[in-house]
Amino acid sequence: MQTEDLLNKVIKTLEESHLFLTGGGGVGKSYITNKVMEHFRANGKNVVALGSTGVSAVNIGGITLHAFFGFGICKNQQELKEYDRSRRAKEKLASLAEILSKTELLIIDEISMVSSELFLMIYERLFKLNFGGKIMVVGDFYQLPPIVKDEKNDLFTNKYAFSSHAWELLNFTNIEFIKSKRTTDLEFYRVLSLIRVGRVDEKITSYLKQFLTSSNSLDSDMTTLFGRNKEADALNSLMLSRIDANLETFEGYTEMNVKGVHPEKVDKWIKNLNVAPVFEFKVGARVLFTMNKYSLDRNDMEFYNGEKGVIVEVKKDEFGFVTSVFIEKEDSDVVEVLPNGYEMGEFVALGDEVKYEVMATFYQFPLRLAYGITIHKSQGMSIENLTCNLDNIFAEGQLYVALSRATNPKSLKIVYTRYEPFERYIQRVVKTNKAVDEFYQNESFIYYE
């Protein structure tokens, strides 16, 4: 099915019901979600885009659901009810009620990271304040589970949003995209699809073994995914030190657009961006783009999230400060990259419209060193020449997320150095949640290729 047809199917569904959009990595969930927002806004509709985490909020161009709904530090419904009786909460609720009354479409990205209790709190907010629009929740319950920060904290117990009574009440239409837009290798995609749902046998482990290689034999044009930050940082530092060129530094900076914004709030938001506060690089360094950038007419893409290139030139002003870098991409095109303005804001009601009011803007190059990156930070990327270091897989869905970043199995490598036999390790770490399995098996889905 063509992308335009997919978009029309999703839009038609939202005209009639709430929507849950799901599917594995690289099937086009994010692309269609952005196109849905563009369509609604182009037709004069008010859209509020929320992320379950800071990272997903930035990626979707919105704010976190905690900030939007004013949950503060409330961990469950009871605490929220007590908080709502305070004077401070009443002001927030009055503002929220006005925004929701004018919102035609509410989107929540990475819904898999929302717990049952949190989803119930969202439902209470929406319908206590008479929200009458449509809800679109997006994500893959097989990839990112709710974060368990404290088992005693009701908000973060490992219970998925779909297990909440509120999910039943909303009566979502479930759409799953099942065709990869990231890879054209059907055998590779079939294996990934089985790993996603936890169906691993000897054939799967045998298939994966063909990608095993030594970490000493990796080329510098490979990007290695790690389970932990320190491993990725160490590789980037090592590879950068080997380049015989001057070390350049660009320190990101913040402009406050409104008065009274707490600096700690801005700093916390910056940490969720997929860029370094201070970007250190050299001419000759390999880098990853961390965002999509379209041409002015939006017909062509200058670069995409996960695309790689080499810094070939650095441009500076009269004072010696870096103003732009020139990057030769792997297709040999050279693009000039400027610092990107990342906007932190909030949704406000202005007349009949709901606007995103920018409170602070952080400027940094949308780039990272390409030698090492964590599996978590690779979310949403499509990466050529990929190496997956599988030594420290510790979360449900992490192996699948790592492998599904690859665009071509011919340029995929796997590094594994543990004593445990590879086959047994893969069987052990490819784990899925029983509740997730039952949800996808028992619910009614519409499948689109």
Protein backbone atom coordinates (compact mmCIF):
# COMPACT_ATOMS: atom_id res chain seq x y z
CA MET A 1 0.00 0.00 0.00
CA GLN A 2 1.31 3.47 -0.91
CA THR A 3 2.15 5.93 1.87
CA GLU A 4 -0.62 8.28 0.77
CA ASP A 5 -3.14 5.43 1.01
CA LEU A 6 -1.89 4.53 4.51
CA LEU A 7 -2.25 8.13 5.60
CA ASN A 8 -5.80 8.33 4.26
CA LYS A 9 -6.75 5.10 6.07
CA VAL A 10 -5.43 6.47 9.36
CA ILE A 11 -7.16 9.84 8.91
CA LYS A 12 -10.47 8.16 8.05
CA THR A 13 -10.19 5.99 11.18
CA LEU A 14 -9.62 9.08 13.34
CA GLU A 15 -12.77 10.64 11.95
CA GLU A 16 -14.76 7.77 13.46
CA SER A 17 -12.88 6.53 16.55
CA HIS A 18 -9.84 6.73 18.79
CA LEU A 19 -6.78 5.00 17.31
CA PHE A 20 -3.93 2.81 18.51
CA LEU A 21 -1.19 2.73 15.85
CA THR A 22 1.45 0.04 16.30
CA GLY A 23 4.02 -2.05 14.44
CA GLY A 24 7.67 -3.05 14.61
CA GLY A 25 10.71 -0.86 14.03
CA GLY A 26 10.97 0.89 10.67
CA VAL A 27 7.39 0.35 9.49
CA GLY A 28 6.58 4.07 9.28
CA LYS A 29 4.75 4.84 12.53
CA SER A 30 6.60 8.11 13.17
CA TYR A 31 6.36 9.26 9.56
CA ILE A 32 2.60 8.69 9.38
CA THR A 33 2.09 10.30 12.80
CA ASN A 34 3.85 13.46 11.62
CA LYS A 35 1.82 13.46 8.40
CA VAL A 36 -1.40 13.11 10.42
CA MET A 37 -0.44 16.15 12.49
CA GLU A 38 0.37 18.12 9.33
CA HIS A 39 -2.99 17.16 7.79
CA PHE A 40 -5.05 18.15 10.83
CA ARG A 41 -3.24 21.46 11.31
CA ALA A 42 -3.42 22.29 7.60
CA ASN A 43 -7.19 21.88 7.91
CA GLY A 44 -7.43 24.27 10.85
CA LYS A 45 -7.63 21.58 13.52
CA ASN A 46 -5.91 21.94 16.90
CA VAL A 47 -3.44 19.16 17.67
CA VAL A 48 -1.68 18.47 20.98
CA ALA A 49 1.33 16.15 20.71
CA LEU A 50 2.64 14.47 23.87
CA GLY A 51 5.45 12.05 24.63
CA SER A 52 5.58 9.52 27.45
CA THR A 53 9.23 10.52 27.98
CA GLY A 54 11.28 13.63 27.36
CA VAL A 55 12.98 12.02 24.37
CA SER A 56 9.72 11.01 22.70
CA ALA A 57 8.23 14.45 23.43
CA VAL A 58 11.11 16.15 21.62
CA ASN A 59 10.88 13.72 18.69
CA ILE A 60 7.18 14.41 18.17
CA GLY A 61 7.53 18.17 18.63
CA GLY A 62 5.52 18.38 21.83
CA ILE A 63 5.87 18.10 25.60
CA THR A 64 5.69 15.29 28.14
CA LEU A 65 2.28 14.09 29.21
CA HIS A 66 3.30 14.72 32.85
CA ALA A 67 3.90 18.41 32.12
CA PHE A 68 0.75 18.78 30.02
CA PHE A 69 -1.65 17.13 32.44
CA GLY A 70 -0.04 18.65 35.54
CA PHE A 71 0.61 15.39 37.35
CA GLY A 72 3.60 16.76 39.25
CA ILE A 73 4.94 14.08 41.58
CA CYS A 74 1.60 12.30 41.97
CA LYS A 75 2.04 8.53 41.77
CA ASN A 76 -1.57 7.36 41.60
CA GLN A 77 -5.18 8.49 41.38
CA GLN A 78 -5.56 9.06 45.10
CA GLU A 79 -2.57 11.39 45.28
CA LEU A 80 -3.79 13.18 42.17
CA LYS A 81 -7.22 13.80 43.71
CA GLU A 82 -5.59 15.27 46.81
CA TYR A 83 -3.31 17.46 44.70
CA ASP A 84 -6.25 18.67 42.59
CA ARG A 85 -7.84 20.22 45.68
CA SER A 86 -4.92 22.64 46.07
CA ARG A 87 -5.13 26.23 44.82
CA ARG A 88 -2.15 25.75 42.52
CA ALA A 89 -3.80 22.75 40.87
CA LYS A 90 -7.08 24.58 40.30
CA GLU A 91 -5.31 27.23 38.22
CA LYS A 92 -3.60 24.52 36.16
CA LEU A 93 -6.88 22.62 35.68
CA ALA A 94 -8.69 25.74 34.50
CA SER A 95 -6.01 26.35 31.88
CA LEU A 96 -5.96 22.66 30.88
CA ALA A 97 -9.76 22.57 30.54
CA GLU A 98 -9.64 25.51 28.13
CA ILE A 99 -6.94 23.85 26.01
CA LEU A 100 -8.72 20.48 25.90
CA SER A 101 -12.04 22.07 24.96
CA LYS A 102 -10.37 23.37 21.78
CA THR A 103 -8.25 20.30 20.96
CA GLU A 104 -9.51 18.10 18.12
CA LEU A 105 -6.66 15.57 18.19
CA LEU A 106 -4.52 14.44 21.13
CA ILE A 107 -1.49 12.28 20.29
CA ILE A 108 0.56 10.27 22.79
CA ASP A 109 3.80 8.83 21.42
CA GLU A 110 5.64 5.80 22.88
CA ILE A 111 2.48 4.60 24.63
CA SER A 112 4.25 1.38 25.61
CA MET A 113 6.12 3.29 28.32
CA VAL A 114 2.88 4.41 29.97
CA SER A 115 1.79 2.24 32.89
CA SER A 116 -1.76 1.16 33.60
CA GLU A 117 -2.06 3.55 36.55
CA LEU A 118 -0.71 6.49 34.58
CA PHE A 119 -3.08 5.80 31.69
CA LEU A 120 -5.99 5.79 34.12
CA MET A 121 -4.86 9.19 35.43
CA ILE A 122 -4.75 10.51 31.86
CA TYR A 123 -8.27 9.21 31.26
CA GLU A 124 -9.53 10.86 34.45
CA ARG A 125 -8.04 14.18 33.39
CA LEU A 126 -9.49 14.03 29.88
CA PHE A 127 -13.03 13.17 30.79
CA LYS A 128 -13.23 15.13 34.01
CA LEU A 129 -12.44 18.16 31.85
CA ASN A 130 -14.90 17.13 29.10
CA PHE A 131 -12.40 16.44 26.33
CA GLY A 132 -14.37 15.81 23.13
CA GLY A 133 -11.68 15.24 20.53
CA LYS A 134 -10.02 12.11 19.19
CA ILE A 135 -7.08 10.29 20.78
CA MET A 136 -4.25 8.69 18.83
CA VAL A 137 -1.75 6.60 20.81
CA VAL A 138 1.36 5.34 19.02
CA GLY A 139 3.97 2.75 19.92
CA ASP A 140 5.02 -0.87 20.07
CA PHE A 141 4.42 -2.73 23.33
CA TYR A 142 7.06 -5.26 22.28
CA GLN A 143 9.82 -2.65 22.24
CA LEU A 144 9.79 -0.32 25.24
CA PRO A 145 8.15 -1.37 28.54
CA PRO A 146 7.07 1.05 31.27
CA ILE A 147 10.06 2.24 33.29
CA VAL A 148 10.23 0.63 36.73
CA LYS A 149 11.82 3.30 38.93
CA ASP A 150 10.41 2.10 42.20
CA GLU A 151 8.33 -1.04 42.66
CA LYS A 152 6.47 0.66 45.51
CA ASN A 153 5.53 3.51 43.19
CA ASP A 154 2.16 2.66 41.64
CA LEU A 155 2.88 4.87 38.65
CA PHE A 156 5.84 2.79 37.51
CA THR A 157 4.76 -0.77 38.16
CA ASN A 158 5.24 -2.91 35.09
CA LYS A 159 1.61 -2.90 34.00
CA TYR A 160 0.91 -1.72 30.49
CA ALA A 161 -1.60 0.92 29.47
CA PHE A 162 -3.78 -1.68 27.71
CA SER A 163 -4.41 -3.44 31.04
CA SER A 164 -6.15 -0.34 32.38
CA HIS A 165 -9.94 -0.22 32.44
CA ALA A 166 -9.60 3.17 30.73
CA TRP A 167 -8.18 1.47 27.64
CA GLU A 168 -11.35 -0.62 27.33
CA LEU A 169 -13.56 2.42 27.77
CA LEU A 170 -11.83 4.29 24.94
CA ASN A 171 -12.51 1.39 22.55
CA PHE A 172 -9.56 2.05 20.26
CA THR A 173 -9.44 0.93 16.65
CA ASN A 174 -6.16 -0.99 16.44
CA ILE A 175 -4.03 -0.57 13.32
CA GLU A 176 -0.72 -2.40 12.85
CA PHE A 177 1.74 -1.62 10.07
CA ILE A 178 3.48 -4.83 8.99
CA LYS A 179 5.74 -3.83 6.09
CA SER A 180 9.26 -2.53 6.73
CA LYS A 181 10.23 0.77 5.16
CA ARG A 182 13.76 0.39 6.57
CA THR A 183 14.96 -2.80 4.84
CA THR A 184 14.03 -4.57 1.62
CA ASP A 185 15.60 -7.89 2.67
CA LEU A 186 12.58 -10.12 3.27
CA GLU A 187 14.47 -12.88 5.12
CA PHE A 188 16.06 -10.36 7.50
CA TYR A 189 12.69 -8.74 8.15
CA ARG A 190 11.09 -12.14 8.79
CA VAL A 191 13.76 -12.96 11.39
CA LEU A 192 13.34 -9.56 13.04
CA SER A 193 9.57 -10.05 13.18
CA LEU A 194 10.01 -13.38 14.99
CA ILE A 195 12.52 -11.89 17.44
CA ARG A 196 10.09 -9.04 18.14
CA VAL A 197 7.44 -11.48 19.37
CA GLY A 198 9.91 -13.71 21.22
CA ARG A 199 9.80 -16.69 18.84
CA VAL A 200 13.43 -17.76 18.72
CA ASP A 201 14.59 -21.24 17.73
CA GLU A 202 17.77 -22.84 16.37
CA LYS A 203 17.12 -21.48 12.87
CA ILE A 204 16.99 -17.92 14.22
CA THR A 205 20.16 -18.24 16.31
CA SER A 206 21.92 -19.93 13.38
CA TYR A 207 20.90 -17.03 11.13
CA LEU A 208 22.26 -14.49 13.64
CA LYS A 209 25.56 -16.36 14.04
CA GLN A 210 26.54 -15.48 10.47
CA PHE A 211 26.93 -11.86 11.60
CA LEU A 212 29.34 -12.60 14.46
CA THR A 213 32.69 -10.86 14.23
CA SER A 214 35.58 -9.75 16.44
CA SER A 215 35.56 -6.21 17.81
CA ASN A 216 39.15 -5.91 16.57
CA SER A 217 38.08 -6.39 12.95
CA LEU A 218 35.58 -3.54 12.76
CA ASP A 219 36.09 -0.72 10.26
CA SER A 220 35.94 2.92 11.34
CA ASP A 221 32.86 3.47 9.17
CA MET A 222 30.82 1.09 11.36
CA THR A 223 28.50 2.40 14.08
CA THR A 224 28.38 0.18 17.16
CA LEU A 225 25.29 0.00 19.35
CA PHE A 226 25.89 -0.65 23.06
CA GLY A 227 23.60 -1.41 25.97
CA ARG A 228 25.30 1.17 28.20
CA ASN A 229 26.43 4.79 27.84
CA LYS A 230 29.97 4.35 29.14
CA GLU A 231 30.83 1.83 26.42
CA ALA A 232 29.60 4.12 23.64
CA ASP A 233 31.39 7.13 25.14
CA ALA A 234 34.66 5.20 25.47
CA LEU A 235 34.64 4.12 21.82
CA ASN A 236 33.84 7.63 20.59
CA SER A 237 36.67 9.12 22.66
CA LEU A 238 39.13 6.49 21.41
CA MET A 239 38.26 6.93 17.73
CA LEU A 240 38.30 10.73 17.99
CA SER A 241 41.76 10.66 19.59
CA ARG A 242 43.13 8.75 16.60
CA ILE A 243 42.29 11.52 14.13
CA ASP A 244 45.25 13.80 13.39
CA ALA A 245 43.42 17.14 13.38
CA ASN A 246 42.59 19.98 15.75
CA LEU A 247 39.92 19.29 18.37
CA GLU A 248 36.93 21.57 17.81
CA THR A 249 34.29 22.35 20.42
CA PHE A 250 30.79 23.75 20.13
CA GLU A 251 29.12 24.45 23.45
CA GLY A 252 25.36 24.48 23.11
CA TYR A 253 23.65 27.62 24.36
CA THR A 254 20.16 28.53 25.53
CA GLU A 255 17.99 31.55 24.76
CA MET A 256 15.10 32.25 27.13
CA ASN A 257 11.99 33.27 25.20
CA VAL A 258 9.90 34.10 28.27
CA LYS A 259 10.80 35.27 31.76
CA GLY A 260 10.50 33.15 34.88
CA VAL A 261 11.48 29.76 33.44
CA HIS A 262 13.44 27.81 36.05
CA PRO A 263 16.98 26.97 34.81
CA GLU A 264 16.81 23.47 36.35
CA LYS A 265 13.71 22.73 34.28
CA VAL A 266 15.56 23.76 31.11
CA ASP A 267 18.66 21.72 32.02
CA LYS A 268 16.52 18.63 32.63
CA TRP A 269 14.84 19.11 29.25
CA ILE A 270 18.21 19.50 27.47
CA LYS A 271 19.36 16.15 28.87
CA ASN A 272 16.51 14.47 26.99
CA LEU A 273 17.68 15.77 23.63
CA ASN A 274 19.60 13.39 21.40
CA VAL A 275 22.55 15.77 21.20
CA ALA A 276 25.49 16.46 23.50
CA PRO A 277 25.41 19.72 25.52
CA VAL A 278 29.03 20.13 24.39
CA PHE A 279 29.89 18.71 20.97
CA GLU A 280 33.57 17.82 20.49
CA PHE A 281 34.71 16.83 17.00
CA LYS A 282 37.48 17.02 14.41
CA VAL A 283 37.67 17.36 10.66
CA GLY A 284 37.67 13.76 9.50
CA ALA A 285 35.36 12.55 12.27
CA ARG A 286 32.41 10.35 11.33
CA VAL A 287 29.08 11.65 12.60
CA LEU A 288 25.43 10.63 12.78
CA PHE A 289 22.59 13.00 12.03
CA THR A 290 20.09 12.94 14.91
CA MET A 291 17.08 14.45 13.14
CA ASN A 292 15.34 14.62 9.79
CA LYS A 293 15.74 17.79 7.77
CA TYR A 294 13.69 18.53 4.68
CA SER A 295 14.35 21.01 1.90
CA LEU A 296 12.41 24.27 1.97
CA ASP A 297 9.75 22.89 -0.38
CA ARG A 298 9.63 19.67 1.74
CA ASN A 299 9.95 17.56 -1.41
CA ASP A 300 13.46 16.35 -0.64
CA MET A 301 15.26 15.34 2.52
CA GLU A 302 18.66 16.94 3.17
CA PHE A 303 19.50 14.30 5.78
CA TYR A 304 17.67 11.78 7.92
CA ASN A 305 17.86 10.52 11.49
CA GLY A 306 20.66 7.94 11.58
CA GLU A 307 22.31 8.95 8.30
CA LYS A 308 26.10 9.16 8.46
CA GLY A 309 28.84 11.30 7.02
CA VAL A 310 32.32 12.74 7.57
CA ILE A 311 33.11 16.29 8.67
CA VAL A 312 35.17 17.79 5.84
CA GLU A 313 35.23 21.47 6.79
CA VAL A 314 34.55 23.74 9.76
CA LYS A 315 33.37 27.32 9.27
CA LYS A 316 34.14 29.93 11.95
CA ASP A 317 33.35 33.60 12.54
CA GLU A 318 35.87 36.40 13.03
CA PHE A 319 36.17 35.50 16.71
CA GLY A 320 37.01 31.86 16.05
CA PHE A 321 33.62 30.45 17.07
CA VAL A 322 32.24 27.55 15.02
CA THR A 323 29.22 28.63 12.97
CA SER A 324 28.67 25.61 10.70
CA VAL A 325 30.21 22.34 9.55
CA PHE A 326 30.29 20.75 6.13
CA ILE A 327 29.57 17.03 6.03
CA GLU A 328 30.15 14.65 3.15
CA LYS A 329 27.41 12.04 3.34
CA GLU A 330 27.87 8.44 2.27
CA ASP A 331 26.19 9.24 -1.06
CA SER A 332 29.01 11.82 -1.64
CA ASP A 333 26.68 14.82 -1.30
CA VAL A 334 28.12 17.60 0.87
CA VAL A 335 25.71 19.50 3.14
CA GLU A 336 26.30 22.51 5.34
CA VAL A 337 24.89 21.94 8.81
CA LEU A 338 24.01 24.76 11.20
CA PRO A 339 23.18 24.52 14.90
CA ASN A 340 19.54 23.50 15.27
CA GLY A 341 17.17 25.35 17.58
CA TYR A 342 15.43 22.88 19.91
CA GLU A 343 12.35 24.51 21.40
CA MET A 344 11.03 23.85 24.90
CA GLY A 345 7.50 25.08 25.38
CA GLU A 346 3.93 24.47 26.47
CA PHE A 347 0.53 24.37 24.85
CA VAL A 348 -1.69 27.42 25.43
CA ALA A 349 -5.18 28.44 24.32
CA LEU A 350 -5.26 31.64 22.27
CA GLY A 351 -8.75 32.49 21.08
CA ASP A 352 -10.06 29.46 19.20
CA GLU A 353 -6.58 28.04 18.66
CA VAL A 354 -4.19 25.89 20.66
CA LYS A 355 -0.62 27.06 20.13
CA TYR A 356 2.78 25.77 21.16
CA GLU A 357 4.37 28.66 23.08
CA VAL A 358 8.16 28.50 23.10
CA MET A 359 9.70 29.16 26.51
CA ALA A 360 13.37 28.43 25.78
CA THR A 361 15.47 27.48 22.75
CA PHE A 362 18.63 25.38 22.95
CA TYR A 363 21.06 25.57 20.03
CA GLN A 364 23.33 22.65 19.15
CA PHE A 365 24.40 20.76 16.03
CA PRO A 366 22.01 17.85 15.29
CA LEU A 367 25.01 15.51 15.27
CA ARG A 368 26.69 12.83 17.35
CA LEU A 369 29.97 11.02 16.84
CA ALA A 370 29.05 7.93 14.82
CA TYR A 371 31.42 5.33 16.27
CA GLY A 372 29.30 4.35 19.28
CA ILE A 373 25.77 5.04 20.48
CA THR A 374 23.44 3.41 23.00
CA ILE A 375 20.56 1.23 21.88
CA HIS A 376 18.18 3.61 23.66
CA LYS A 377 19.45 6.69 21.81
CA SER A 378 19.27 4.85 18.48
CA GLN A 379 15.49 4.60 18.77
CA GLY A 380 13.92 5.78 15.52
CA MET A 381 17.18 5.67 13.56
CA SER A 382 17.94 3.82 10.32
CA ILE A 383 21.67 3.03 10.29
CA GLU A 384 23.92 1.74 7.50
CA ASN A 385 27.07 -0.26 8.38
CA LEU A 386 25.83 -1.25 11.81
CA THR A 387 27.49 -3.30 14.54
CA CYS A 388 25.45 -4.52 17.51
CA ASN A 389 27.43 -5.25 20.67
CA LEU A 390 25.14 -7.70 22.47
CA ASP A 391 27.17 -8.20 25.66
CA ASN A 392 24.89 -6.10 27.87
CA ILE A 393 21.28 -6.65 26.83
CA PHE A 394 19.20 -6.10 29.96
CA ALA A 395 15.67 -4.97 29.00
CA GLU A 396 12.72 -6.51 27.20
CA GLY A 397 12.80 -5.71 23.50
CA GLN A 398 16.35 -4.31 23.59
CA LEU A 399 17.83 -6.91 21.25
CA TYR A 400 15.05 -6.32 18.74
CA VAL A 401 15.47 -2.54 18.89
CA ALA A 402 19.22 -2.90 18.24
CA LEU A 403 18.99 -5.28 15.27
CA SER A 404 16.05 -3.47 13.69
CA ARG A 405 18.11 -0.27 13.30
CA ALA A 406 19.95 -2.00 10.43
CA THR A 407 18.96 -1.05 6.90
CA ASN A 408 20.86 -3.87 5.21
CA PRO A 409 21.94 -7.22 6.72
CA LYS A 410 24.90 -7.27 4.31
CA SER A 411 26.45 -4.44 6.33
CA LEU A 412 25.43 -5.78 9.77
CA LYS A 413 27.89 -7.19 12.31
CA ILE A 414 27.37 -8.65 15.79
CA VAL A 415 29.97 -8.55 18.56
CA TYR A 416 29.56 -11.02 21.43
CA THR A 417 32.32 -11.79 23.97
CA ARG A 418 30.54 -13.38 26.94
CA TYR A 419 31.40 -16.90 28.14
CA GLU A 420 27.77 -18.04 27.88
CA PRO A 421 27.14 -19.84 24.57
CA PHE A 422 25.71 -17.42 22.01
CA GLU A 423 22.67 -19.57 21.23
CA ARG A 424 21.68 -19.86 24.89
CA TYR A 425 22.25 -16.14 25.48
CA ILE A 426 20.00 -15.17 22.58
CA GLN A 427 17.28 -17.53 23.82
CA ARG A 428 17.55 -15.90 27.26
CA VAL A 429 17.55 -12.22 26.29
CA VAL A 430 14.86 -12.47 23.61
CA LYS A 431 12.12 -12.18 26.15
CA THR A 432 8.64 -10.79 25.82
CA ASN A 433 6.01 -10.00 28.40
CA LYS A 434 3.20 -12.55 28.59
CA ALA A 435 0.62 -9.79 28.93
CA VAL A 436 1.90 -8.19 25.72
CA ASP A 437 1.72 -11.51 23.87
CA GLU A 438 -1.87 -12.02 24.96
CA PHE A 439 -2.84 -8.46 24.05
CA TYR A 440 -1.58 -8.76 20.47
CA GLN A 441 -3.08 -12.25 20.11
CA ASN A 442 -6.51 -11.49 21.55
CA GLU A 443 -7.24 -7.96 20.35
CA SER A 444 -8.70 -7.26 16.92
CA PHE A 445 -6.23 -5.55 14.57
CA ILE A 446 -6.41 -4.07 11.08
CA TYR A 447 -3.15 -4.87 9.28
CA TYR A 448 -1.69 -2.63 6.59
CA GLU A 449 1.44 -3.24 4.51
